[in-house]
Full PDB file with SEQRES, HELIX, SHEET, SSBOND, CRYST1, ORIGX, SCALE, CONECT and MASTER records, all heavy atoms in Angstrom:
SEQRES   1 A   40  GLN SER LEU ALA GLN LEU CYS GLN THR PHE ILE PHE ASN          
SEQRES   2 A   40  GLY PHE ILE ALA MET LEU THR ASP ASP TYR PHE GLN LEU          
SEQRES   3 A   40  LEU ARG GLU PRO GLU GLN ALA GLY GLU ILE ALA ARG GLU          
SEQRES   4 A   40  GLY                                                          
HELIX    1 AA1 SER A    2  ARG A   28  1                                  27    
HELIX    2 AA2 PRO A   30  GLN A   32  5                                   3    
HELIX    3 AA3 ALA A   33  GLU A   39  1                                   7    
CRYST1    1.000    1.000    1.000  90.00  90.00  90.00 P 1           1          
ORIGX1      1.000000  0.000000  0.000000        0.00000                         
ORIGX2      0.000000  1.000000  0.000000        0.00000                         
ORIGX3      0.000000  0.000000  1.000000        0.00000                         
SCALE1      1.000000  0.000000  0.000000        0.00000                         
SCALE2      0.000000  1.000000  0.000000        0.00000                         
SCALE3      0.000000  0.000000  1.000000        0.00000                         
ATOM      1  N   GLN A   1      -0.242  11.627  19.073  1.00  0.00           N  
ATOM      2  CA  GLN A   1       0.399  11.697  17.724  1.00  0.00           C  
ATOM      3  C   GLN A   1      -0.402  10.849  16.858  1.00  0.00           C  
ATOM      4  O   GLN A   1      -0.777  11.211  15.639  1.00  0.00           O  
ATOM      5  CB  GLN A   1       1.796  11.205  17.706  1.00  0.00           C  
ATOM      6  CG  GLN A   1       2.735  12.178  18.386  1.00  0.00           C  
ATOM      7  CD  GLN A   1       4.104  11.462  18.652  1.00  0.00           C  
ATOM      8  OE1 GLN A   1       4.320  10.374  18.331  1.00  0.00           O  
ATOM      9  NE2 GLN A   1       4.966  12.257  19.242  1.00  0.00           N  
ATOM     10  N   SER A   2      -0.896   9.694  17.239  1.00  0.00           N  
ATOM     11  CA  SER A   2      -1.742   8.855  16.477  1.00  0.00           C  
ATOM     12  C   SER A   2      -3.152   9.545  16.170  1.00  0.00           C  
ATOM     13  O   SER A   2      -3.629   9.416  15.026  1.00  0.00           O  
ATOM     14  CB  SER A   2      -2.036   7.461  17.156  1.00  0.00           C  
ATOM     15  OG  SER A   2      -0.777   6.740  17.323  1.00  0.00           O  
ATOM     16  N   LEU A   3      -3.671  10.152  17.214  1.00  0.00           N  
ATOM     17  CA  LEU A   3      -5.008  10.843  17.013  1.00  0.00           C  
ATOM     18  C   LEU A   3      -4.827  12.027  15.979  1.00  0.00           C  
ATOM     19  O   LEU A   3      -5.682  12.276  15.146  1.00  0.00           O  
ATOM     20  CB  LEU A   3      -5.502  11.392  18.350  1.00  0.00           C  
ATOM     21  CG  LEU A   3      -6.792  12.068  18.347  1.00  0.00           C  
ATOM     22  CD1 LEU A   3      -7.889  11.155  17.801  1.00  0.00           C  
ATOM     23  CD2 LEU A   3      -7.200  12.566  19.789  1.00  0.00           C  
ATOM     24  N   ALA A   4      -3.763  12.791  16.166  1.00  0.00           N  
ATOM     25  CA  ALA A   4      -3.459  13.944  15.210  1.00  0.00           C  
ATOM     26  C   ALA A   4      -3.419  13.447  13.802  1.00  0.00           C  
ATOM     27  O   ALA A   4      -3.988  13.977  12.862  1.00  0.00           O  
ATOM     28  CB  ALA A   4      -2.081  14.586  15.588  1.00  0.00           C  
ATOM     29  N   GLN A   5      -2.689  12.290  13.536  1.00  0.00           N  
ATOM     30  CA  GLN A   5      -2.597  11.693  12.150  1.00  0.00           C  
ATOM     31  C   GLN A   5      -3.950  11.199  11.711  1.00  0.00           C  
ATOM     32  O   GLN A   5      -4.276  11.300  10.537  1.00  0.00           O  
ATOM     33  CB  GLN A   5      -1.517  10.689  12.135  1.00  0.00           C  
ATOM     34  CG  GLN A   5      -0.126  11.252  12.249  1.00  0.00           C  
ATOM     35  CD  GLN A   5       1.019  10.359  12.234  1.00  0.00           C  
ATOM     36  OE1 GLN A   5       0.739   9.172  12.132  1.00  0.00           O  
ATOM     37  NE2 GLN A   5       2.240  10.775  12.402  1.00  0.00           N  
ATOM     38  N   LEU A   6      -4.683  10.701  12.685  1.00  0.00           N  
ATOM     39  CA  LEU A   6      -6.044  10.124  12.250  1.00  0.00           C  
ATOM     40  C   LEU A   6      -6.958  11.332  11.719  1.00  0.00           C  
ATOM     41  O   LEU A   6      -7.546  11.248  10.784  1.00  0.00           O  
ATOM     42  CB  LEU A   6      -6.716   9.334  13.383  1.00  0.00           C  
ATOM     43  CG  LEU A   6      -8.050   8.835  13.055  1.00  0.00           C  
ATOM     44  CD1 LEU A   6      -8.099   7.778  11.990  1.00  0.00           C  
ATOM     45  CD2 LEU A   6      -8.689   8.289  14.362  1.00  0.00           C  
ATOM     46  N   CYS A   7      -6.848  12.406  12.498  1.00  0.00           N  
ATOM     47  CA  CYS A   7      -7.596  13.666  12.118  1.00  0.00           C  
ATOM     48  C   CYS A   7      -7.179  14.149  10.723  1.00  0.00           C  
ATOM     49  O   CYS A   7      -8.004  14.523   9.982  1.00  0.00           O  
ATOM     50  CB  CYS A   7      -7.508  14.700  13.198  1.00  0.00           C  
ATOM     51  SG  CYS A   7      -8.335  14.270  14.753  1.00  0.00           S  
ATOM     52  N   GLN A   8      -5.829  14.174  10.552  1.00  0.00           N  
ATOM     53  CA  GLN A   8      -5.360  14.603   9.255  1.00  0.00           C  
ATOM     54  C   GLN A   8      -5.878  13.747   8.103  1.00  0.00           C  
ATOM     55  O   GLN A   8      -6.349  14.298   7.006  1.00  0.00           O  
ATOM     56  CB  GLN A   8      -3.804  14.586   9.271  1.00  0.00           C  
ATOM     57  CG  GLN A   8      -3.263  15.524  10.164  1.00  0.00           C  
ATOM     58  CD  GLN A   8      -1.742  15.276  10.375  1.00  0.00           C  
ATOM     59  OE1 GLN A   8      -1.136  14.546   9.555  1.00  0.00           O  
ATOM     60  NE2 GLN A   8      -1.243  15.801  11.381  1.00  0.00           N  
ATOM     61  N   THR A   9      -6.028  12.471   8.411  1.00  0.00           N  
ATOM     62  CA  THR A   9      -6.534  11.500   7.354  1.00  0.00           C  
ATOM     63  C   THR A   9      -7.911  11.724   7.105  1.00  0.00           C  
ATOM     64  O   THR A   9      -8.376  11.853   5.848  1.00  0.00           O  
ATOM     65  CB  THR A   9      -6.281  10.052   7.819  1.00  0.00           C  
ATOM     66  OG1 THR A   9      -4.931   9.769   8.076  1.00  0.00           O  
ATOM     67  CG2 THR A   9      -6.799   9.091   6.799  1.00  0.00           C  
ATOM     68  N   PHE A  10      -8.721  12.062   8.097  1.00  0.00           N  
ATOM     69  CA  PHE A  10     -10.189  12.359   7.870  1.00  0.00           C  
ATOM     70  C   PHE A  10     -10.308  13.699   7.105  1.00  0.00           C  
ATOM     71  O   PHE A  10     -11.091  13.693   6.143  1.00  0.00           O  
ATOM     72  CB  PHE A  10     -10.994  12.471   9.221  1.00  0.00           C  
ATOM     73  CG  PHE A  10     -11.215  11.237   9.776  1.00  0.00           C  
ATOM     74  CD1 PHE A  10     -11.123  10.947  11.212  1.00  0.00           C  
ATOM     75  CD2 PHE A  10     -11.632  10.053   9.041  1.00  0.00           C  
ATOM     76  CE1 PHE A  10     -11.360   9.765  11.822  1.00  0.00           C  
ATOM     77  CE2 PHE A  10     -11.887   8.842   9.669  1.00  0.00           C  
ATOM     78  CZ  PHE A  10     -11.730   8.661  11.050  1.00  0.00           C  
ATOM     79  N   ILE A  11      -9.539  14.642   7.417  1.00  0.00           N  
ATOM     80  CA  ILE A  11      -9.614  15.958   6.731  1.00  0.00           C  
ATOM     81  C   ILE A  11      -9.323  15.817   5.264  1.00  0.00           C  
ATOM     82  O   ILE A  11      -9.861  16.256   4.290  1.00  0.00           O  
ATOM     83  CB  ILE A  11      -8.780  17.072   7.334  1.00  0.00           C  
ATOM     84  CG1 ILE A  11      -9.195  17.376   8.756  1.00  0.00           C  
ATOM     85  CG2 ILE A  11      -8.582  18.266   6.444  1.00  0.00           C  
ATOM     86  CD1 ILE A  11     -10.478  18.212   8.806  1.00  0.00           C  
ATOM     87  N   PHE A  12      -8.189  15.065   4.971  1.00  0.00           N  
ATOM     88  CA  PHE A  12      -7.745  14.803   3.614  1.00  0.00           C  
ATOM     89  C   PHE A  12      -8.694  14.008   2.781  1.00  0.00           C  
ATOM     90  O   PHE A  12      -9.119  14.458   1.746  1.00  0.00           O  
ATOM     91  CB  PHE A  12      -6.346  14.098   3.679  1.00  0.00           C  
ATOM     92  CG  PHE A  12      -5.852  13.716   2.315  1.00  0.00           C  
ATOM     93  CD1 PHE A  12      -5.197  14.639   1.666  1.00  0.00           C  
ATOM     94  CD2 PHE A  12      -5.974  12.503   1.734  1.00  0.00           C  
ATOM     95  CE1 PHE A  12      -4.754  14.419   0.343  1.00  0.00           C  
ATOM     96  CE2 PHE A  12      -5.481  12.144   0.586  1.00  0.00           C  
ATOM     97  CZ  PHE A  12      -4.801  13.166  -0.194  1.00  0.00           C  
ATOM     98  N   ASN A  13      -9.235  12.916   3.358  1.00  0.00           N  
ATOM     99  CA  ASN A  13     -10.242  12.171   2.720  1.00  0.00           C  
ATOM    100  C   ASN A  13     -11.581  12.974   2.467  1.00  0.00           C  
ATOM    101  O   ASN A  13     -12.220  12.829   1.403  1.00  0.00           O  
ATOM    102  CB  ASN A  13     -10.603  10.888   3.519  1.00  0.00           C  
ATOM    103  CG  ASN A  13      -9.545   9.838   3.299  1.00  0.00           C  
ATOM    104  OD1 ASN A  13      -9.075   9.604   2.241  1.00  0.00           O  
ATOM    105  ND2 ASN A  13      -9.223   9.227   4.390  1.00  0.00           N  
ATOM    106  N   GLY A  14     -11.935  13.886   3.378  1.00  0.00           N  
ATOM    107  CA  GLY A  14     -13.159  14.659   3.225  1.00  0.00           C  
ATOM    108  C   GLY A  14     -13.003  15.599   2.023  1.00  0.00           C  
ATOM    109  O   GLY A  14     -13.837  15.882   1.256  1.00  0.00           O  
ATOM    110  N   PHE A  15     -11.694  16.141   1.995  1.00  0.00           N  
ATOM    111  CA  PHE A  15     -11.421  17.140   0.888  1.00  0.00           C  
ATOM    112  C   PHE A  15     -11.498  16.384  -0.439  1.00  0.00           C  
ATOM    113  O   PHE A  15     -12.019  16.893  -1.446  1.00  0.00           O  
ATOM    114  CB  PHE A  15     -10.089  17.700   1.103  1.00  0.00           C  
ATOM    115  CG  PHE A  15      -9.657  18.585  -0.083  1.00  0.00           C  
ATOM    116  CD1 PHE A  15     -10.257  19.801  -0.319  1.00  0.00           C  
ATOM    117  CD2 PHE A  15      -8.602  18.219  -0.931  1.00  0.00           C  
ATOM    118  CE1 PHE A  15      -9.955  20.610  -1.416  1.00  0.00           C  
ATOM    119  CE2 PHE A  15      -8.229  19.042  -2.018  1.00  0.00           C  
ATOM    120  CZ  PHE A  15      -8.856  20.183  -2.235  1.00  0.00           C  
ATOM    121  N   ILE A  16     -10.882  15.203  -0.622  1.00  0.00           N  
ATOM    122  CA  ILE A  16     -10.875  14.408  -1.857  1.00  0.00           C  
ATOM    123  C   ILE A  16     -12.305  14.116  -2.330  1.00  0.00           C  
ATOM    124  O   ILE A  16     -12.728  14.297  -3.382  1.00  0.00           O  
ATOM    125  CB  ILE A  16     -10.088  13.163  -1.700  1.00  0.00           C  
ATOM    126  CG1 ILE A  16      -8.646  13.439  -1.467  1.00  0.00           C  
ATOM    127  CG2 ILE A  16     -10.240  12.320  -2.938  1.00  0.00           C  
ATOM    128  CD1 ILE A  16      -7.966  14.288  -2.588  1.00  0.00           C  
ATOM    129  N   ALA A  17     -13.190  13.754  -1.257  1.00  0.00           N  
ATOM    130  CA  ALA A  17     -14.627  13.533  -1.577  1.00  0.00           C  
ATOM    131  C   ALA A  17     -15.328  14.732  -2.051  1.00  0.00           C  
ATOM    132  O   ALA A  17     -16.115  14.604  -3.086  1.00  0.00           O  
ATOM    133  CB  ALA A  17     -15.298  13.008  -0.302  1.00  0.00           C  
ATOM    134  N   MET A  18     -15.133  15.861  -1.480  1.00  0.00           N  
ATOM    135  CA  MET A  18     -15.719  17.146  -1.866  1.00  0.00           C  
ATOM    136  C   MET A  18     -15.203  17.520  -3.295  1.00  0.00           C  
ATOM    137  O   MET A  18     -16.049  17.955  -4.184  1.00  0.00           O  
ATOM    138  CB  MET A  18     -15.384  18.221  -0.965  1.00  0.00           C  
ATOM    139  CG  MET A  18     -16.247  18.165   0.336  1.00  0.00           C  
ATOM    140  SD  MET A  18     -16.088  19.732   1.383  1.00  0.00           S  
ATOM    141  CE  MET A  18     -14.408  19.728   1.762  1.00  0.00           C  
ATOM    142  N   LEU A  19     -13.970  17.421  -3.513  1.00  0.00           N  
ATOM    143  CA  LEU A  19     -13.449  17.671  -4.857  1.00  0.00           C  
ATOM    144  C   LEU A  19     -13.961  16.761  -5.948  1.00  0.00           C  
ATOM    145  O   LEU A  19     -14.359  17.229  -7.043  1.00  0.00           O  
ATOM    146  CB  LEU A  19     -11.858  17.536  -4.816  1.00  0.00           C  
ATOM    147  CG  LEU A  19     -11.052  18.095  -5.945  1.00  0.00           C  
ATOM    148  CD1 LEU A  19     -11.283  19.562  -6.090  1.00  0.00           C  
ATOM    149  CD2 LEU A  19      -9.607  17.730  -5.776  1.00  0.00           C  
ATOM    150  N   THR A  20     -14.139  15.484  -5.580  1.00  0.00           N  
ATOM    151  CA  THR A  20     -14.720  14.572  -6.576  1.00  0.00           C  
ATOM    152  C   THR A  20     -16.204  14.975  -6.855  1.00  0.00           C  
ATOM    153  O   THR A  20     -16.582  14.967  -7.943  1.00  0.00           O  
ATOM    154  CB  THR A  20     -14.746  13.121  -5.921  1.00  0.00           C  
ATOM    155  OG1 THR A  20     -13.412  12.805  -5.687  1.00  0.00           O  
ATOM    156  CG2 THR A  20     -15.404  12.113  -6.808  1.00  0.00           C  
ATOM    157  N   ASP A  21     -16.976  15.368  -5.752  1.00  0.00           N  
ATOM    158  CA  ASP A  21     -18.306  15.815  -5.945  1.00  0.00           C  
ATOM    159  C   ASP A  21     -18.338  17.021  -6.911  1.00  0.00           C  
ATOM    160  O   ASP A  21     -19.219  17.112  -7.768  1.00  0.00           O  
ATOM    161  CB  ASP A  21     -18.963  16.150  -4.617  1.00  0.00           C  
ATOM    162  CG  ASP A  21     -19.218  14.946  -3.737  1.00  0.00           C  
ATOM    163  OD1 ASP A  21     -19.238  13.813  -4.319  1.00  0.00           O  
ATOM    164  OD2 ASP A  21     -19.408  15.203  -2.558  1.00  0.00           O  
ATOM    165  N   ASP A  22     -17.403  17.958  -6.681  1.00  0.00           N  
ATOM    166  CA  ASP A  22     -17.473  19.191  -7.561  1.00  0.00           C  
ATOM    167  C   ASP A  22     -17.204  18.875  -9.047  1.00  0.00           C  
ATOM    168  O   ASP A  22     -17.774  19.372  -9.939  1.00  0.00           O  
ATOM    169  CB  ASP A  22     -16.296  20.127  -7.079  1.00  0.00           C  
ATOM    170  CG  ASP A  22     -16.737  20.829  -5.774  1.00  0.00           C  
ATOM    171  OD1 ASP A  22     -17.882  20.765  -5.396  1.00  0.00           O  
ATOM    172  OD2 ASP A  22     -15.787  21.467  -5.202  1.00  0.00           O  
ATOM    173  N   TYR A  23     -16.237  17.872  -9.226  1.00  0.00           N  
ATOM    174  CA  TYR A  23     -15.950  17.507 -10.683  1.00  0.00           C  
ATOM    175  C   TYR A  23     -17.223  16.851 -11.312  1.00  0.00           C  
ATOM    176  O   TYR A  23     -17.528  17.073 -12.474  1.00  0.00           O  
ATOM    177  CB  TYR A  23     -14.787  16.609 -10.746  1.00  0.00           C  
ATOM    178  CG  TYR A  23     -13.411  17.403 -10.730  1.00  0.00           C  
ATOM    179  CD1 TYR A  23     -12.485  17.078  -9.736  1.00  0.00           C  
ATOM    180  CD2 TYR A  23     -13.156  18.282 -11.639  1.00  0.00           C  
ATOM    181  CE1 TYR A  23     -11.334  17.813  -9.633  1.00  0.00           C  
ATOM    182  CE2 TYR A  23     -11.999  19.058 -11.563  1.00  0.00           C  
ATOM    183  CZ  TYR A  23     -11.037  18.848 -10.645  1.00  0.00           C  
ATOM    184  OH  TYR A  23      -9.895  19.489 -10.584  1.00  0.00           O  
ATOM    185  N   PHE A  24     -17.859  15.936 -10.496  1.00  0.00           N  
ATOM    186  CA  PHE A  24     -19.105  15.351 -11.017  1.00  0.00           C  
ATOM    187  C   PHE A  24     -20.194  16.325 -11.253  1.00  0.00           C  
ATOM    188  O   PHE A  24     -20.884  16.260 -12.285  1.00  0.00           O  
ATOM    189  CB  PHE A  24     -19.529  14.181 -10.228  1.00  0.00           C  
ATOM    190  CG  PHE A  24     -18.753  12.902 -10.438  1.00  0.00           C  
ATOM    191  CD1 PHE A  24     -17.927  12.399  -9.436  1.00  0.00           C  
ATOM    192  CD2 PHE A  24     -18.646  12.345 -11.735  1.00  0.00           C  
ATOM    193  CE1 PHE A  24     -17.260  11.205  -9.648  1.00  0.00           C  
ATOM    194  CE2 PHE A  24     -17.922  11.171 -11.895  1.00  0.00           C  
ATOM    195  CZ  PHE A  24     -17.160  10.645 -10.881  1.00  0.00           C  
ATOM    196  N   GLN A  25     -20.264  17.364 -10.470  1.00  0.00           N  
ATOM    197  CA  GLN A  25     -21.327  18.417 -10.611  1.00  0.00           C  
ATOM    198  C   GLN A  25     -20.958  19.211 -11.895  1.00  0.00           C  
ATOM    199  O   GLN A  25     -21.806  19.553 -12.640  1.00  0.00           O  
ATOM    200  CB  GLN A  25     -21.316  19.357  -9.450  1.00  0.00           C  
ATOM    201  CG  GLN A  25     -22.475  20.296  -9.513  1.00  0.00           C  
ATOM    202  CD  GLN A  25     -22.518  21.220  -8.250  1.00  0.00           C  
ATOM    203  OE1 GLN A  25     -21.737  21.044  -7.337  1.00  0.00           O  
ATOM    204  NE2 GLN A  25     -23.561  22.147  -8.293  1.00  0.00           N  
ATOM    205  N   LEU A  26     -19.627  19.426 -12.195  1.00  0.00           N  
ATOM    206  CA  LEU A  26     -19.262  20.125 -13.437  1.00  0.00           C  
ATOM    207  C   LEU A  26     -19.623  19.329 -14.620  1.00  0.00           C  
ATOM    208  O   LEU A  26     -20.080  19.885 -15.638  1.00  0.00           O  
ATOM    209  CB  LEU A  26     -17.784  20.336 -13.428  1.00  0.00           C  
ATOM    210  CG  LEU A  26     -17.242  21.644 -12.744  1.00  0.00           C  
ATOM    211  CD1 LEU A  26     -15.801  21.565 -12.693  1.00  0.00           C  
ATOM    212  CD2 LEU A  26     -17.740  22.839 -13.380  1.00  0.00           C  
ATOM    213  N   LEU A  27     -19.518  18.014 -14.602  1.00  0.00           N  
ATOM    214  CA  LEU A  27     -19.914  17.166 -15.741  1.00  0.00           C  
ATOM    215  C   LEU A  27     -21.477  17.198 -15.924  1.00  0.00           C  
ATOM    216  O   LEU A  27     -21.925  17.135 -16.978  1.00  0.00           O  
ATOM    217  CB  LEU A  27     -19.442  15.752 -15.475  1.00  0.00           C  
ATOM    218  CG  LEU A  27     -18.004  15.427 -15.598  1.00  0.00           C  
ATOM    219  CD1 LEU A  27     -17.675  14.000 -15.184  1.00  0.00           C  
ATOM    220  CD2 LEU A  27     -17.520  15.623 -17.022  1.00  0.00           C  
ATOM    221  N   ARG A  28     -22.192  17.224 -14.820  1.00  0.00           N  
ATOM    222  CA  ARG A  28     -23.608  17.268 -14.853  1.00  0.00           C  
ATOM    223  C   ARG A  28     -24.157  18.764 -15.269  1.00  0.00           C  
ATOM    224  O   ARG A  28     -25.235  18.783 -15.912  1.00  0.00           O  
ATOM    225  CB  ARG A  28     -24.262  16.724 -13.653  1.00  0.00           C  
ATOM    226  CG  ARG A  28     -24.192  15.327 -13.297  1.00  0.00           C  
ATOM    227  CD  ARG A  28     -24.885  14.838 -12.246  1.00  0.00           C  
ATOM    228  NE  ARG A  28     -24.544  15.481 -10.975  1.00  0.00           N  
ATOM    229  CZ  ARG A  28     -23.590  14.996 -10.083  1.00  0.00           C  
ATOM    230  NH1 ARG A  28     -22.919  13.936 -10.380  1.00  0.00           N  
ATOM    231  NH2 ARG A  28     -23.355  15.586  -9.010  1.00  0.00           N  
ATOM    232  N   GLU A  29     -23.490  19.705 -14.755  1.00  0.00           N  
ATOM    233  CA  GLU A  29     -24.010  21.066 -14.902  1.00  0.00           C  
ATOM    234  C   GLU A  29     -22.957  22.040 -15.408  1.00  0.00           C  
ATOM    235  O   GLU A  29     -22.507  22.922 -14.613  1.00  0.00           O  
ATOM    236  CB  GLU A  29     -24.607  21.529 -13.480  1.00  0.00           C  
ATOM    237  CG  GLU A  29     -25.662  20.751 -12.857  1.00  0.00           C  
ATOM    238  CD  GLU A  29     -25.963  21.081 -11.503  1.00  0.00           C  
ATOM    239  OE1 GLU A  29     -26.026  22.410 -11.195  1.00  0.00           O  
ATOM    240  OE2 GLU A  29     -26.160  20.239 -10.594  1.00  0.00           O  
ATOM    241  N   PRO A  30     -22.496  21.913 -16.624  1.00  0.00           N  
ATOM    242  CA  PRO A  30     -21.421  22.726 -17.082  1.00  0.00           C  
ATOM    243  C   PRO A  30     -21.782  24.244 -17.080  1.00  0.00           C  
ATOM    244  O   PRO A  30     -20.880  25.129 -17.019  1.00  0.00           O  
ATOM    245  CB  PRO A  30     -21.137  22.196 -18.529  1.00  0.00           C  
ATOM    246  CG  PRO A  30     -22.331  21.460 -18.918  1.00  0.00           C  
ATOM    247  CD  PRO A  30     -22.970  20.953 -17.672  1.00  0.00           C  
ATOM    248  N   GLU A  31     -23.060  24.549 -17.179  1.00  0.00           N  
ATOM    249  CA  GLU A  31     -23.399  26.005 -17.133  1.00  0.00           C  
ATOM    250  C   GLU A  31     -23.174  26.659 -15.831  1.00  0.00           C  
ATOM    251  O   GLU A  31     -23.109  27.891 -15.749  1.00  0.00           O  
ATOM    252  CB  GLU A  31     -24.925  26.119 -17.530  1.00  0.00           C  
ATOM    253  CG  GLU A  31     -25.914  25.565 -16.577  1.00  0.00           C  
ATOM    254  CD  GLU A  31     -26.158  24.120 -16.667  1.00  0.00           C  
ATOM    255  OE1 GLU A  31     -25.584  23.409 -17.451  1.00  0.00           O  
ATOM    256  OE2 GLU A  31     -26.858  23.564 -15.742  1.00  0.00           O  
ATOM    257  N   GLN A  32     -22.970  25.833 -14.744  1.00  0.00           N  
ATOM    258  CA  GLN A  32     -22.664  26.374 -13.413  1.00  0.00           C  
ATOM    259  C   GLN A  32     -21.161  26.385 -13.181  1.00  0.00           C  
ATOM    260  O   GLN A  32     -20.722  26.451 -11.953  1.00  0.00           O  
ATOM    261  CB  GLN A  32     -23.348  25.544 -12.352  1.00  0.00           C  
ATOM    262  CG  GLN A  32     -24.834  25.564 -12.522  1.00  0.00           C  
ATOM    263  CD  GLN A  32     -25.501  26.871 -12.153  1.00  0.00           C  
ATOM    264  OE1 GLN A  32     -25.043  27.497 -11.372  1.00  0.00           O  
ATOM    265  NE2 GLN A  32     -26.391  27.189 -12.926  1.00  0.00           N  
ATOM    266  N   ALA A  33     -20.304  26.246 -14.166  1.00  0.00           N  
ATOM    267  CA  ALA A  33     -18.850  26.116 -13.957  1.00  0.00           C  
ATOM    268  C   ALA A  33     -18.288  27.281 -13.131  1.00  0.00           C  
ATOM    269  O   ALA A  33     -17.444  26.997 -12.173  1.00  0.00           O  
ATOM    270  CB  ALA A  33     -18.189  26.080 -15.305  1.00  0.00           C  
ATOM    271  N   GLY A  34     -18.584  28.539 -13.341  1.00  0.00           N  
ATOM    272  CA  GLY A  34     -18.097  29.623 -12.542  1.00  0.00           C  
ATOM    273  C   GLY A  34     -18.371  29.507 -11.113  1.00  0.00           C  
ATOM    274  O   GLY A  34     -17.536  29.706 -10.224  1.00  0.00           O  
ATOM    275  N   GLU A  35     -19.543  29.252 -10.767  1.00  0.00           N  
ATOM    276  CA  GLU A  35     -19.968  29.121  -9.346  1.00  0.00           C  
ATOM    277  C   GLU A  35     -19.353  27.916  -8.649  1.00  0.00           C  
ATOM    278  O   GLU A  35     -18.853  27.917  -7.518  1.00  0.00           O  
ATOM    279  CB  GLU A  35     -21.507  28.948  -9.229  1.00  0.00           C  
ATOM    280  CG  GLU A  35     -22.080  28.942  -7.843  1.00  0.00           C  
ATOM    281  CD  GLU A  35     -23.551  28.840  -7.746  1.00  0.00           C  
ATOM    282  OE1 GLU A  35     -24.225  29.307  -8.663  1.00  0.00           O  
ATOM    283  OE2 GLU A  35     -23.986  28.201  -6.875  1.00  0.00           O  
ATOM    284  N   ILE A  36     -19.277  26.818  -9.404  1.00  0.00           N  
ATOM    285  CA  ILE A  36     -18.679  25.613  -8.846  1.00  0.00           C  
ATOM    286  C   ILE A  36     -17.141  25.789  -8.650  1.00  0.00           C  
ATOM    287  O   ILE A  36     -16.582  25.421  -7.612  1.00  0.00           O  
ATOM    288  CB  ILE A  36     -18.931  24.385  -9.803  1.00  0.00           C  
ATOM    289  CG1 ILE A  36     -20.424  24.002  -9.862  1.00  0.00           C  
ATOM    290  CG2 ILE A  36     -18.068  23.147  -9.418  1.00  0.00           C  
ATOM    291  CD1 ILE A  36     -20.830  23.145 -10.862  1.00  0.00           C  
ATOM    292  N   ALA A  37     -16.507  26.534  -9.570  1.00  0.00           N  
ATOM    293  CA  ALA A  37     -15.128  26.838  -9.445  1.00  0.00           C  
ATOM    294  C   ALA A  37     -14.854  27.681  -8.226  1.00  0.00           C  
ATOM    295  O   ALA A  37     -13.887  27.423  -7.461  1.00  0.00           O  
ATOM    296  CB  ALA A  37     -14.587  27.530 -10.731  1.00  0.00           C  
ATOM    297  N   ARG A  38     -15.699  28.783  -8.021  1.00  0.00           N  
ATOM    298  CA  ARG A  38     -15.455  29.618  -6.850  1.00  0.00           C  
ATOM    299  C   ARG A  38     -15.592  28.792  -5.592  1.00  0.00           C  
ATOM    300  O   ARG A  38     -14.917  28.916  -4.684  1.00  0.00           O  
ATOM    301  CB  ARG A  38     -16.451  30.807  -6.941  1.00  0.00           C  
ATOM    302  CG  ARG A  38     -16.044  31.899  -7.834  1.00  0.00           C  
ATOM    303  CD  ARG A  38     -16.943  33.128  -7.738  1.00  0.00           C  
ATOM    304  NE  ARG A  38     -18.312  32.866  -8.262  1.00  0.00           N  
ATOM    305  CZ  ARG A  38     -18.587  32.863  -9.495  1.00  0.00           C  
ATOM    306  NH1 ARG A  38     -17.686  33.087 -10.490  1.00  0.00           N  
ATOM    307  NH2 ARG A  38     -19.841  32.554  -9.858  1.00  0.00           N  
ATOM    308  N   GLU A  39     -16.642  27.964  -5.509  1.00  0.00           N  
ATOM    309  CA  GLU A  39     -16.893  27.113  -4.375  1.00  0.00           C  
ATOM    310  C   GLU A  39     -15.642  26.220  -4.151  1.00  0.00           C  
ATOM    311  O   GLU A  39     -15.262  25.986  -2.999  1.00  0.00           O  
ATOM    312  CB  GLU A  39     -18.163  26.389  -4.404  1.00  0.00           C  
ATOM    313  CG  GLU A  39     -18.440  25.528  -3.290  1.00  0.00           C  
ATOM    314  CD  GLU A  39     -18.589  26.178  -1.898  1.00  0.00           C  
ATOM    315  OE1 GLU A  39     -18.945  27.338  -1.924  1.00  0.00           O  
ATOM    316  OE2 GLU A  39     -18.409  25.560  -0.867  1.00  0.00           O  
ATOM    317  N   GLY A  40     -15.244  25.571  -5.250  1.00  0.00           N  
ATOM    318  CA  GLY A  40     -14.049  24.709  -5.191  1.00  0.00           C  
ATOM    319  C   GLY A  40     -12.858  25.411  -4.543  1.00  0.00           C  
ATOM    320  O   GLY A  40     -12.063  24.811  -3.790  1.00  0.00           O  
TER     321      GLY A  40                                                      
MASTER        0    0    0    3    0    0    0    6  320    1    0    4          
END                                                                             
């Protein structure tokens, strides 16, 4: 159970990090919004 919850935490944190990256990419490259949104 502890291992399962640890894995969930890693998956959740990884998703937040990727989402943060996508938002910063949107700020830097607004012309790529459609592609970034699809990938998001």
